[in-house]
Amino acid sequence: VGGSGANETQKAFRWSAATGAMTALDMPPDTVSSVAHAVNADGSVIVGQYYTAIGTHAFRWTAATGIAHDMGTLPGSFDARAVAVSADGSLVAGESRFVVDTPFDELEDRMSDGYTSSSFPFSRDDFSFGSDIISVDEWRGFRWNATTGVMQPLGAIGGRGGSSPYAMNADGSVIVGASQAGSRQRGFRWTEATGMVSVEDWLRGNGV
């Protein structure tokens, strides 16, 4: 899945090996352009974002209906995008942007004081991850458990700056990404047992 065409007029598409061809997804009538970001295990559910004249909305397309459903945005948000979907298509993760002066208690999530968040791909066992901005100079990666609905902060190397997870293994037990303090960025590996460890320290600890 993806997007085809110029940025202003691109269309979300679905490609399959069976047909060997791209098929444009049927989007809402007010769509200016669209792009698909993720597909579930059997190709029956696709998620992404579409642009209208006044904003950006997340969508969820299903093969059963053949059309994209507008997922809208969170209250107080001016746009949203869906970037990940679980294997069975029942869970969707993404991000919704807010103006900086939006009171945090109006946001419908479980994060600590902040402005915005991002969520990324699901593991096989329905863990997701992302980043939570807690101030202008600080942000924290988190792991979200779809079963409990709880976000688990990953921390940051040195305790200050920020951390951004980029990938995780199939069962959600290992997460890797980058932690930044000032102009210095360091790769990290995180597990519940060890917490966040820099790649350098992890390699040294394993004899490299």
N, C-alpha and C. Protein backbone atom coordinates (compact mmCIF):
# COMPACT_ATOMS: atom_id res chain seq x y z
N VAL A 1 0.84 -1.19 0.00
CA VAL A 1 0.00 0.00 0.00
C VAL A 1 0.88 1.24 0.00
N GLY A 2 0.33 2.38 -0.43
CA GLY A 2 1.10 3.62 -0.46
C GLY A 2 0.31 4.73 -1.11
N GLY A 3 1.04 5.65 -1.74
CA GLY A 3 0.41 6.76 -2.45
C GLY A 3 1.06 6.93 -3.80
N SER A 4 0.29 7.24 -4.82
CA SER A 4 0.81 7.39 -6.17
C SER A 4 0.36 8.72 -6.75
N GLY A 5 1.31 9.44 -7.39
CA GLY A 5 0.99 10.72 -8.00
C GLY A 5 1.70 11.86 -7.32
N ALA A 6 1.47 13.07 -7.80
CA ALA A 6 2.05 14.26 -7.19
C ALA A 6 1.47 14.45 -5.80
N ASN A 7 2.25 15.09 -4.91
CA ASN A 7 1.82 15.25 -3.52
C ASN A 7 0.43 15.87 -3.38
N GLU A 8 0.13 16.87 -4.23
CA GLU A 8 -1.14 17.57 -4.10
C GLU A 8 -2.32 16.74 -4.60
N THR A 9 -2.06 15.74 -5.42
CA THR A 9 -3.16 14.97 -6.01
C THR A 9 -2.93 13.46 -5.92
N GLN A 10 -2.03 13.03 -5.03
CA GLN A 10 -1.74 11.60 -4.99
C GLN A 10 -2.93 10.81 -4.45
N LYS A 11 -2.98 9.54 -4.82
CA LYS A 11 -4.08 8.68 -4.42
C LYS A 11 -3.55 7.48 -3.65
N ALA A 12 -4.25 7.15 -2.58
CA ALA A 12 -3.91 5.95 -1.83
C ALA A 12 -4.19 4.73 -2.69
N PHE A 13 -3.27 3.75 -2.65
CA PHE A 13 -3.47 2.57 -3.49
C PHE A 13 -3.22 1.28 -2.71
N ARG A 14 -3.75 0.22 -3.31
CA ARG A 14 -3.56 -1.14 -2.81
C ARG A 14 -3.00 -1.97 -3.96
N TRP A 15 -1.90 -2.67 -3.71
CA TRP A 15 -1.30 -3.53 -4.73
C TRP A 15 -1.27 -4.95 -4.21
N SER A 16 -1.55 -5.91 -5.06
CA SER A 16 -1.45 -7.32 -4.64
C SER A 16 -0.69 -8.12 -5.69
N ALA A 17 0.00 -9.14 -5.22
CA ALA A 17 0.75 -10.00 -6.14
C ALA A 17 -0.19 -10.77 -7.05
N ALA A 18 -1.41 -11.00 -6.58
CA ALA A 18 -2.37 -11.77 -7.39
C ALA A 18 -2.74 -11.05 -8.68
N THR A 19 -2.91 -9.72 -8.57
CA THR A 19 -3.28 -8.95 -9.77
C THR A 19 -2.08 -8.28 -10.41
N GLY A 20 -1.04 -8.04 -9.63
CA GLY A 20 0.15 -7.36 -10.15
C GLY A 20 -0.11 -5.92 -10.52
N ALA A 21 -1.19 -5.33 -10.00
CA ALA A 21 -1.55 -3.97 -10.38
C ALA A 21 -1.97 -3.15 -9.17
N MET A 22 -1.78 -1.83 -9.29
CA MET A 22 -2.25 -0.91 -8.26
C MET A 22 -3.73 -0.64 -8.46
N THR A 23 -4.46 -0.57 -7.35
CA THR A 23 -5.86 -0.19 -7.39
C THR A 23 -6.06 0.99 -6.45
N ALA A 24 -6.61 2.09 -6.93
CA ALA A 24 -6.87 3.25 -6.08
C ALA A 24 -7.98 2.92 -5.09
N LEU A 25 -7.80 3.35 -3.84
CA LEU A 25 -8.81 3.12 -2.83
C LEU A 25 -9.96 4.11 -3.00
N ASP A 26 -11.16 3.67 -2.73
CA ASP A 26 -12.34 4.53 -2.82
C ASP A 26 -12.39 5.41 -1.57
N MET A 27 -12.13 6.72 -1.73
CA MET A 27 -12.03 7.65 -0.62
C MET A 27 -13.29 8.50 -0.49
N PRO A 28 -13.46 9.20 0.66
CA PRO A 28 -14.61 10.11 0.81
C PRO A 28 -14.65 11.16 -0.30
N PRO A 29 -15.82 11.69 -0.64
CA PRO A 29 -15.96 12.60 -1.78
C PRO A 29 -15.22 13.92 -1.65
N ASP A 30 -14.90 14.35 -0.43
CA ASP A 30 -14.20 15.63 -0.26
C ASP A 30 -12.68 15.48 -0.28
N THR A 31 -12.18 14.30 -0.69
CA THR A 31 -10.73 14.04 -0.70
C THR A 31 -10.02 14.82 -1.80
N VAL A 32 -8.96 15.52 -1.42
CA VAL A 32 -8.10 16.21 -2.38
C VAL A 32 -6.95 15.30 -2.77
N SER A 33 -6.32 14.68 -1.78
CA SER A 33 -5.28 13.68 -2.03
C SER A 33 -5.25 12.73 -0.85
N SER A 34 -4.59 11.58 -1.02
CA SER A 34 -4.59 10.56 0.03
C SER A 34 -3.36 9.68 -0.09
N VAL A 35 -3.02 9.02 1.03
CA VAL A 35 -1.90 8.08 1.03
C VAL A 35 -2.20 7.00 2.07
N ALA A 36 -1.88 5.76 1.74
CA ALA A 36 -2.05 4.63 2.66
C ALA A 36 -0.71 4.36 3.34
N HIS A 37 -0.73 4.15 4.66
CA HIS A 37 0.50 3.96 5.42
C HIS A 37 0.73 2.53 5.88
N ALA A 38 -0.34 1.75 6.09
CA ALA A 38 -0.14 0.41 6.65
C ALA A 38 -1.29 -0.50 6.23
N VAL A 39 -1.00 -1.80 6.27
CA VAL A 39 -2.00 -2.81 5.89
C VAL A 39 -1.90 -3.96 6.89
N ASN A 40 -3.03 -4.60 7.18
CA ASN A 40 -3.00 -5.69 8.15
C ASN A 40 -2.50 -6.98 7.50
N ALA A 41 -2.50 -8.07 8.27
CA ALA A 41 -1.81 -9.30 7.84
C ALA A 41 -2.35 -9.89 6.55
N ASP A 42 -3.68 -9.86 6.36
CA ASP A 42 -4.23 -10.50 5.15
C ASP A 42 -4.64 -9.51 4.07
N GLY A 43 -4.33 -8.22 4.27
CA GLY A 43 -4.62 -7.23 3.25
C GLY A 43 -6.05 -6.73 3.22
N SER A 44 -6.86 -7.11 4.23
CA SER A 44 -8.26 -6.73 4.21
C SER A 44 -8.55 -5.37 4.84
N VAL A 45 -7.58 -4.83 5.59
CA VAL A 45 -7.75 -3.52 6.23
C VAL A 45 -6.54 -2.65 5.92
N ILE A 46 -6.79 -1.43 5.47
CA ILE A 46 -5.72 -0.48 5.13
C ILE A 46 -6.01 0.82 5.86
N VAL A 47 -4.97 1.45 6.40
CA VAL A 47 -5.14 2.73 7.09
C VAL A 47 -4.18 3.76 6.52
N GLY A 48 -4.53 5.04 6.71
CA GLY A 48 -3.68 6.11 6.20
C GLY A 48 -4.27 7.46 6.51
N GLN A 49 -4.07 8.41 5.61
CA GLN A 49 -4.60 9.75 5.80
C GLN A 49 -5.06 10.31 4.47
N TYR A 50 -6.05 11.21 4.55
CA TYR A 50 -6.48 11.88 3.34
C TYR A 50 -6.65 13.37 3.64
N TYR A 51 -6.39 14.17 2.63
CA TYR A 51 -6.40 15.61 2.75
C TYR A 51 -7.67 16.18 2.13
N THR A 52 -8.28 17.13 2.85
CA THR A 52 -9.42 17.87 2.32
C THR A 52 -8.99 19.33 2.18
N ALA A 53 -9.90 20.18 1.79
CA ALA A 53 -9.58 21.60 1.64
C ALA A 53 -9.34 22.27 2.98
N ILE A 54 -9.82 21.65 4.07
CA ILE A 54 -9.71 22.31 5.38
C ILE A 54 -8.92 21.52 6.42
N GLY A 55 -8.45 20.34 6.10
CA GLY A 55 -7.70 19.57 7.10
C GLY A 55 -7.36 18.17 6.63
N THR A 56 -6.73 17.42 7.53
CA THR A 56 -6.29 16.06 7.24
C THR A 56 -6.96 15.10 8.21
N HIS A 57 -7.52 14.02 7.70
CA HIS A 57 -8.18 13.03 8.55
C HIS A 57 -7.58 11.65 8.34
N ALA A 58 -7.63 10.85 9.40
CA ALA A 58 -7.21 9.46 9.31
C ALA A 58 -8.33 8.65 8.66
N PHE A 59 -7.96 7.58 7.94
CA PHE A 59 -8.99 6.70 7.37
C PHE A 59 -8.66 5.24 7.62
N ARG A 60 -9.71 4.43 7.58
CA ARG A 60 -9.59 2.97 7.68
C ARG A 60 -10.42 2.39 6.55
N TRP A 61 -9.76 1.69 5.63
CA TRP A 61 -10.42 1.08 4.48
C TRP A 61 -10.54 -0.42 4.73
N THR A 62 -11.68 -1.00 4.35
CA THR A 62 -11.85 -2.44 4.48
C THR A 62 -12.27 -3.06 3.16
N ALA A 63 -11.78 -4.25 2.91
CA ALA A 63 -12.15 -4.95 1.69
C ALA A 63 -13.63 -5.33 1.72
N ALA A 64 -14.17 -5.50 2.92
CA ALA A 64 -15.58 -5.90 3.05
C ALA A 64 -16.51 -4.84 2.48
N THR A 65 -16.18 -3.56 2.72
CA THR A 65 -17.03 -2.47 2.23
C THR A 65 -16.50 -1.87 0.94
N GLY A 66 -15.18 -1.97 0.73
CA GLY A 66 -14.56 -1.39 -0.45
C GLY A 66 -14.42 0.11 -0.40
N ILE A 67 -14.70 0.73 0.75
CA ILE A 67 -14.59 2.18 0.87
C ILE A 67 -13.80 2.54 2.13
N ALA A 68 -13.25 3.77 2.15
CA ALA A 68 -12.49 4.27 3.29
C ALA A 68 -13.42 4.98 4.27
N HIS A 69 -13.29 4.63 5.53
CA HIS A 69 -14.10 5.25 6.58
C HIS A 69 -13.30 6.38 7.22
N ASP A 70 -13.90 7.55 7.34
CA ASP A 70 -13.26 8.70 7.98
C ASP A 70 -13.20 8.48 9.48
N MET A 71 -11.96 8.41 10.03
CA MET A 71 -11.79 8.22 11.47
C MET A 71 -11.80 9.55 12.22
N GLY A 72 -11.81 10.67 11.48
CA GLY A 72 -11.87 11.97 12.12
C GLY A 72 -10.58 12.37 12.81
N THR A 73 -10.70 13.22 13.83
CA THR A 73 -9.55 13.68 14.62
C THR A 73 -9.97 13.70 16.08
N LEU A 74 -8.99 13.81 16.99
CA LEU A 74 -9.31 13.97 18.40
C LEU A 74 -9.89 15.37 18.63
N PRO A 75 -10.72 15.55 19.65
CA PRO A 75 -11.27 16.88 19.96
C PRO A 75 -10.15 17.89 20.16
N GLY A 76 -10.26 19.04 19.51
CA GLY A 76 -9.24 20.07 19.64
C GLY A 76 -8.10 19.94 18.66
N SER A 77 -8.11 18.87 17.87
CA SER A 77 -7.02 18.63 16.92
C SER A 77 -7.39 19.19 15.55
N PHE A 78 -6.36 19.59 14.80
CA PHE A 78 -6.64 20.08 13.46
C PHE A 78 -6.29 19.08 12.37
N ASP A 79 -5.61 17.99 12.71
CA ASP A 79 -5.43 16.94 11.72
C ASP A 79 -5.08 15.62 12.40
N ALA A 80 -5.12 14.55 11.63
CA ALA A 80 -4.82 13.23 12.16
C ALA A 80 -4.37 12.32 11.04
N ARG A 81 -3.59 11.32 11.39
CA ARG A 81 -3.21 10.30 10.41
C ARG A 81 -3.09 8.97 11.12
N ALA A 82 -3.44 7.90 10.44
CA ALA A 82 -3.28 6.54 10.94
C ALA A 82 -2.05 5.95 10.28
N VAL A 83 -1.15 5.38 11.10
CA VAL A 83 0.12 4.91 10.55
C VAL A 83 0.37 3.43 10.81
N ALA A 84 -0.50 2.78 11.59
CA ALA A 84 -0.28 1.37 11.88
C ALA A 84 -1.61 0.69 12.16
N VAL A 85 -1.64 -0.62 11.87
CA VAL A 85 -2.84 -1.41 12.12
C VAL A 85 -2.41 -2.79 12.59
N SER A 86 -3.16 -3.35 13.55
CA SER A 86 -2.82 -4.66 14.09
C SER A 86 -3.07 -5.74 13.04
N ALA A 87 -2.56 -6.94 13.31
CA ALA A 87 -2.63 -8.03 12.33
C ALA A 87 -4.06 -8.36 11.92
N ASP A 88 -5.01 -8.31 12.89
CA ASP A 88 -6.39 -8.66 12.55
C ASP A 88 -7.20 -7.45 12.09
N GLY A 89 -6.60 -6.26 12.09
CA GLY A 89 -7.27 -5.07 11.59
C GLY A 89 -8.18 -4.37 12.58
N SER A 90 -8.22 -4.86 13.83
CA SER A 90 -9.16 -4.30 14.79
C SER A 90 -8.61 -3.09 15.55
N LEU A 91 -7.28 -2.92 15.57
CA LEU A 91 -6.65 -1.82 16.29
C LEU A 91 -5.88 -0.93 15.32
N VAL A 92 -6.04 0.36 15.46
CA VAL A 92 -5.35 1.33 14.60
C VAL A 92 -4.60 2.32 15.48
N ALA A 93 -3.38 2.65 15.10
CA ALA A 93 -2.59 3.64 15.85
C ALA A 93 -2.18 4.76 14.91
N GLY A 94 -1.97 5.94 15.48
CA GLY A 94 -1.55 7.06 14.66
C GLY A 94 -1.26 8.27 15.51
N GLU A 95 -1.46 9.45 14.95
CA GLU A 95 -1.21 10.67 15.70
C GLU A 95 -2.23 11.72 15.31
N SER A 96 -2.48 12.62 16.27
CA SER A 96 -3.39 13.73 16.04
C SER A 96 -2.73 14.98 16.61
N ARG A 97 -2.61 16.03 15.81
CA ARG A 97 -1.87 17.21 16.22
C ARG A 97 -2.78 18.26 16.87
N PHE A 98 -2.21 18.94 17.84
CA PHE A 98 -2.95 19.95 18.59
C PHE A 98 -2.21 21.27 18.56
N VAL A 99 -2.97 22.36 18.67
CA VAL A 99 -2.32 23.66 18.84
C VAL A 99 -1.71 23.68 20.22
N VAL A 100 -0.61 24.41 20.39
CA VAL A 100 0.16 24.35 21.62
C VAL A 100 -0.65 24.77 22.84
N ASP A 101 -1.59 25.71 22.70
CA ASP A 101 -2.30 26.19 23.87
C ASP A 101 -3.57 25.40 24.19
N THR A 102 -3.75 24.24 23.55
CA THR A 102 -4.89 23.39 23.89
C THR A 102 -4.71 22.84 25.31
N PRO A 103 -5.67 23.06 26.24
CA PRO A 103 -5.54 22.49 27.58
C PRO A 103 -5.41 20.98 27.51
N PHE A 104 -4.42 20.45 28.20
CA PHE A 104 -4.14 19.02 28.06
C PHE A 104 -5.29 18.16 28.57
N ASP A 105 -6.03 18.66 29.58
CA ASP A 105 -7.09 17.81 30.12
C ASP A 105 -8.25 17.63 29.15
N GLU A 106 -8.20 18.31 28.01
CA GLU A 106 -9.22 18.09 26.99
C GLU A 106 -8.85 16.95 26.05
N LEU A 107 -7.62 16.48 26.10
CA LEU A 107 -7.18 15.45 25.18
C LEU A 107 -7.61 14.07 25.68
N GLU A 108 -8.05 13.25 24.73
CA GLU A 108 -8.57 11.95 25.11
C GLU A 108 -7.48 10.89 25.02
N ASP A 109 -6.53 10.94 25.96
CA ASP A 109 -5.53 9.88 26.03
C ASP A 109 -5.02 9.76 27.45
N ARG A 110 -3.97 8.99 27.66
CA ARG A 110 -3.51 8.66 29.00
C ARG A 110 -2.13 9.20 29.30
N MET A 111 -1.62 10.12 28.48
CA MET A 111 -0.26 10.57 28.65
C MET A 111 -0.11 11.61 29.74
N SER A 112 1.15 11.81 30.17
CA SER A 112 1.44 12.88 31.11
C SER A 112 1.45 14.21 30.37
N ASP A 113 1.59 15.30 31.10
CA ASP A 113 1.47 16.65 30.56
C ASP A 113 2.24 16.83 29.26
N GLY A 114 1.58 17.23 28.20
CA GLY A 114 2.27 17.36 26.92
C GLY A 114 1.42 17.97 25.84
N TYR A 115 1.99 18.05 24.64
CA TYR A 115 1.30 18.68 23.53
C TYR A 115 0.79 17.70 22.50
N THR A 116 1.57 16.71 22.16
CA THR A 116 1.17 15.82 21.08
C THR A 116 1.84 14.47 21.25
N SER A 117 1.40 13.49 20.49
CA SER A 117 2.02 12.17 20.57
C SER A 117 1.96 11.50 19.22
N SER A 118 2.80 10.48 19.07
CA SER A 118 2.78 9.67 17.85
C SER A 118 2.79 8.21 18.25
N SER A 119 2.10 7.37 17.49
CA SER A 119 2.14 5.94 17.70
C SER A 119 2.52 5.27 16.39
N PHE A 120 3.23 4.15 16.50
CA PHE A 120 3.76 3.50 15.33
C PHE A 120 3.42 2.01 15.33
N PRO A 121 4.06 1.18 14.51
CA PRO A 121 3.52 -0.16 14.25
C PRO A 121 3.26 -1.03 15.47
N PHE A 122 2.27 -1.92 15.33
CA PHE A 122 1.93 -2.88 16.37
C PHE A 122 2.84 -4.09 16.28
N SER A 123 3.13 -4.69 17.44
CA SER A 123 3.82 -5.96 17.46
C SER A 123 2.79 -7.06 17.20
N ARG A 124 3.27 -8.28 17.14
CA ARG A 124 2.37 -9.41 16.96
C ARG A 124 1.38 -9.50 18.12
N ASP A 125 1.83 -9.12 19.32
CA ASP A 125 1.00 -9.22 20.51
C ASP A 125 0.32 -7.91 20.87
N ASP A 126 0.20 -7.01 19.89
CA ASP A 126 -0.56 -5.77 20.05
C ASP A 126 0.03 -4.78 21.04
N PHE A 127 1.36 -4.67 21.04
CA PHE A 127 2.02 -3.54 21.65
C PHE A 127 2.25 -2.51 20.56
N SER A 128 2.16 -1.23 20.91
CA SER A 128 2.51 -0.17 20.00
C SER A 128 3.48 0.75 20.71
N PHE A 129 4.09 1.69 19.96
CA PHE A 129 5.04 2.60 20.59
C PHE A 129 4.97 3.95 19.92
N GLY A 130 5.54 4.95 20.58
CA GLY A 130 5.54 6.29 20.02
C GLY A 130 6.29 7.24 20.91
N SER A 131 6.07 8.55 20.74
CA SER A 131 6.74 9.57 21.53
C SER A 131 5.72 10.54 22.09
N ASP A 132 5.95 10.98 23.32
CA ASP A 132 5.09 11.93 24.00
C ASP A 132 5.90 13.18 24.31
N ILE A 133 5.52 14.33 23.74
CA ILE A 133 6.21 15.58 24.02
C ILE A 133 5.73 16.14 25.34
N ILE A 134 6.62 16.27 26.32
CA ILE A 134 6.22 16.76 27.64
C ILE A 134 6.62 18.21 27.86
N SER A 135 7.51 18.74 27.05
CA SER A 135 7.81 20.17 27.07
C SER A 135 8.53 20.49 25.77
N VAL A 136 8.91 21.75 25.59
CA VAL A 136 9.57 22.14 24.34
C VAL A 136 10.87 21.37 24.14
N ASP A 137 11.61 21.12 25.22
CA ASP A 137 12.93 20.49 25.11
C ASP A 137 12.95 19.04 25.54
N GLU A 138 11.82 18.48 25.93
CA GLU A 138 11.81 17.10 26.40
C GLU A 138 10.67 16.31 25.77
N TRP A 139 10.97 15.08 25.42
CA TRP A 139 9.94 14.17 24.95
C TRP A 139 10.38 12.77 25.31
N ARG A 140 9.44 11.88 25.46
CA ARG A 140 9.75 10.53 25.91
C ARG A 140 9.09 9.49 25.02
N GLY A 141 9.85 8.46 24.71
CA GLY A 141 9.27 7.32 24.03
C GLY A 141 8.39 6.55 25.00
N PHE A 142 7.41 5.82 24.46
CA PHE A 142 6.57 4.99 25.30
C PHE A 142 6.21 3.71 24.58
N ARG A 143 5.82 2.71 25.35
CA ARG A 143 5.26 1.48 24.82
C ARG A 143 3.81 1.38 25.31
N TRP A 144 2.88 1.15 24.39
CA TRP A 144 1.47 1.07 24.74
C TRP A 144 0.97 -0.35 24.60
N ASN A 145 0.25 -0.82 25.61
CA ASN A 145 -0.28 -2.17 25.63
C ASN A 145 -1.76 -2.13 25.29
N ALA A 146 -2.15 -2.73 24.19
CA ALA A 146 -3.55 -2.68 23.74
C ALA A 146 -4.47 -3.43 24.70
N THR A 147 -3.94 -4.40 25.44
CA THR A 147 -4.76 -5.17 26.37
C THR A 147 -5.13 -4.37 27.60
N THR A 148 -4.13 -3.67 28.17
CA THR A 148 -4.37 -2.89 29.39
C THR A 148 -4.71 -1.43 29.11
N GLY A 149 -4.37 -0.94 27.91
CA GLY A 149 -4.58 0.47 27.59
C GLY A 149 -3.61 1.40 28.30
N VAL A 150 -2.49 0.85 28.77
CA VAL A 150 -1.53 1.64 29.56
C VAL A 150 -0.29 1.96 28.73
N MET A 151 0.17 3.22 28.82
CA MET A 151 1.43 3.64 28.20
C MET A 151 2.56 3.51 29.21
N GLN A 152 3.63 2.86 28.82
CA GLN A 152 4.80 2.68 29.68
C GLN A 152 5.94 3.54 29.17
N PRO A 153 6.39 4.55 29.93
CA PRO A 153 7.48 5.42 29.46
C PRO A 153 8.78 4.65 29.34
N LEU A 154 9.57 4.98 28.32
CA LEU A 154 10.85 4.30 28.10
C LEU A 154 12.02 5.05 28.71
N GLY A 155 11.81 6.34 29.06
CA GLY A 155 12.90 7.13 29.64
C GLY A 155 13.78 7.75 28.57
N ALA A 156 14.93 8.25 29.00
CA ALA A 156 15.92 8.85 28.09
C ALA A 156 17.29 8.64 28.69
N ILE A 157 18.30 8.46 27.85
CA ILE A 157 19.67 8.29 28.33
C ILE A 157 20.12 9.58 29.00
N GLY A 158 20.56 9.48 30.24
CA GLY A 158 20.98 10.67 30.98
C GLY A 158 19.84 11.37 31.67
N GLY A 159 18.60 10.93 31.43
CA GLY A 159 17.45 11.48 32.13
C GLY A 159 16.91 12.78 31.58
N ARG A 160 17.57 13.40 30.60
CA ARG A 160 17.11 14.66 30.02
C ARG A 160 17.05 14.53 28.50
N GLY A 161 16.50 15.55 27.85
CA GLY A 161 16.42 15.51 26.40
C GLY A 161 15.22 14.71 25.96
N GLY A 162 15.42 13.82 24.98
CA GLY A 162 14.28 13.08 24.47
C GLY A 162 14.65 11.70 23.97
N SER A 163 13.63 10.90 23.72
CA SER A 163 13.84 9.58 23.15
C SER A 163 12.73 9.28 22.16
N SER A 164 13.11 8.66 21.04
CA SER A 164 12.16 8.34 19.98
C SER A 164 12.35 6.89 19.56
N PRO A 165 11.38 6.01 19.84
CA PRO A 165 11.48 4.63 19.39
C PRO A 165 11.19 4.52 17.89
N TYR A 166 11.91 3.60 17.23
CA TYR A 166 11.74 3.43 15.79
C TYR A 166 11.27 2.04 15.38
N ALA A 167 11.55 1.02 16.22
CA ALA A 167 11.17 -0.34 15.84
C ALA A 167 11.13 -1.22 17.07
N MET A 168 10.38 -2.33 16.95
CA MET A 168 10.36 -3.31 18.04
C MET A 168 10.18 -4.71 17.47
N ASN A 169 10.48 -5.69 18.31
CA ASN A 169 10.40 -7.07 17.85
C ASN A 169 8.96 -7.56 17.88
N ALA A 170 8.74 -8.81 17.50
CA ALA A 170 7.39 -9.32 17.28
C ALA A 170 6.53 -9.35 18.54
N ASP A 171 7.12 -9.65 19.71
CA ASP A 171 6.31 -9.72 20.92
C ASP A 171 6.34 -8.45 21.75
N GLY A 172 7.01 -7.40 21.24
CA GLY A 172 7.00 -6.12 21.92
C GLY A 172 7.93 -6.02 23.11
N SER A 173 8.83 -6.99 23.29
CA SER A 173 9.69 -6.99 24.48
C SER A 173 10.98 -6.20 24.28
N VAL A 174 11.38 -5.95 23.05
CA VAL A 174 12.60 -5.20 22.76
C VAL A 174 12.27 -4.05 21.83
N ILE A 175 12.70 -2.84 22.19
CA ILE A 175 12.46 -1.65 21.39
C ILE A 175 13.79 -0.95 21.15
N VAL A 176 14.00 -0.44 19.94
CA VAL A 176 15.21 0.31 19.62
C VAL A 176 14.84 1.68 19.08
N GLY A 177 15.77 2.62 19.21
CA GLY A 177 15.50 3.96 18.73
C GLY A 177 16.67 4.89 19.00
N ALA A 178 16.36 6.17 19.22
CA ALA A 178 17.40 7.17 19.45
C ALA A 178 17.03 8.02 20.65
N SER A 179 18.04 8.36 21.45
CA SER A 179 17.86 9.26 22.58
C SER A 179 18.77 10.46 22.35
N GLN A 180 18.24 11.65 22.55
CA GLN A 180 18.99 12.86 22.23
C GLN A 180 19.04 13.81 23.42
N ALA A 181 20.24 14.37 23.67
CA ALA A 181 20.44 15.41 24.67
C ALA A 181 21.26 16.50 24.01
N GLY A 182 20.67 17.68 23.83
CA GLY A 182 21.36 18.74 23.11
C GLY A 182 21.57 18.34 21.67
N SER A 183 22.80 18.45 21.18
CA SER A 183 23.09 18.09 19.79
C SER A 183 23.55 16.65 19.65
N ARG A 184 23.67 15.92 20.75
CA ARG A 184 24.18 14.55 20.70
C ARG A 184 23.04 13.55 20.68
N GLN A 185 23.07 12.63 19.73
CA GLN A 185 22.07 11.58 19.62
C GLN A 185 22.73 10.22 19.72
N ARG A 186 22.13 9.33 20.50
CA ARG A 186 22.69 7.99 20.70
C ARG A 186 21.60 6.94 20.47
N GLY A 187 21.96 5.87 19.78
CA GLY A 187 21.03 4.77 19.59
C GLY A 187 20.80 4.05 20.91
N PHE A 188 19.59 3.51 21.10
CA PHE A 188 19.33 2.77 22.34
C PHE A 188 18.62 1.45 22.05
N ARG A 189 18.74 0.57 23.04
CA ARG A 189 18.00 -0.70 23.08
C ARG A 189 17.30 -0.75 24.43
N TRP A 190 15.98 -1.04 24.41
CA TRP A 190 15.20 -1.04 25.65
C TRP A 190 14.52 -2.39 25.85
N THR A 191 14.58 -2.89 27.09
CA THR A 191 13.76 -4.02 27.54
C THR A 191 13.26 -3.68 28.94
N GLU A 192 12.22 -4.37 29.39
CA GLU A 192 11.74 -4.12 30.75
C GLU A 192 12.81 -4.47 31.78
N ALA A 193 13.61 -5.49 31.50
CA ALA A 193 14.62 -5.92 32.46
C ALA A 193 15.78 -4.94 32.57
N THR A 194 16.23 -4.37 31.46
CA THR A 194 17.42 -3.51 31.47
C THR A 194 17.09 -2.03 31.43
N GLY A 195 15.86 -1.68 31.02
CA GLY A 195 15.57 -0.28 30.77
C GLY A 195 16.28 0.18 29.52
N MET A 196 16.47 1.49 29.35
CA MET A 196 17.11 2.03 28.17
C MET A 196 18.63 1.97 28.31
N VAL A 197 19.28 1.33 27.34
CA VAL A 197 20.73 1.19 27.32
C VAL A 197 21.24 1.68 25.98
N SER A 198 22.31 2.48 25.99
CA SER A 198 22.86 2.94 24.72
C SER A 198 23.40 1.76 23.93
N VAL A 199 23.39 1.87 22.62
CA VAL A 199 23.89 0.79 21.77
C VAL A 199 25.35 0.50 22.09
N GLU A 200 26.13 1.57 22.35
CA GLU A 200 27.55 1.36 22.69
C GLU A 200 27.70 0.50 23.94
N ASP A 201 26.94 0.84 24.99
CA ASP A 201 27.04 0.08 26.23
C ASP A 201 26.51 -1.33 26.06
N TRP A 202 25.44 -1.49 25.27
CA TRP A 202 24.90 -2.83 25.04
C TRP A 202 25.90 -3.70 24.31
N LEU A 203 26.59 -3.14 23.31
CA LEU A 203 27.60 -3.91 22.58
C LEU A 203 28.77 -4.28 23.48
N ARG A 204 29.23 -3.29 24.28
CA ARG A 204 30.34 -3.59 25.20
C ARG A 204 29.95 -4.71 26.17
N GLY A 205 28.71 -4.64 26.65
CA GLY A 205 28.24 -5.64 27.60
C GLY A 205 28.13 -7.03 27.00
N ASN A 206 28.11 -7.10 25.67
CA ASN A 206 28.03 -8.39 24.98
C ASN A 206 29.33 -8.74 24.28
N GLY A 207 30.44 -8.10 24.73
CA GLY A 207 31.77 -8.49 24.27
C GLY A 207 32.21 -7.91 22.96
N VAL A 208 31.51 -6.87 22.45
CA VAL A 208 31.90 -6.27 21.17
C VAL A 208 32.77 -5.07 21.46
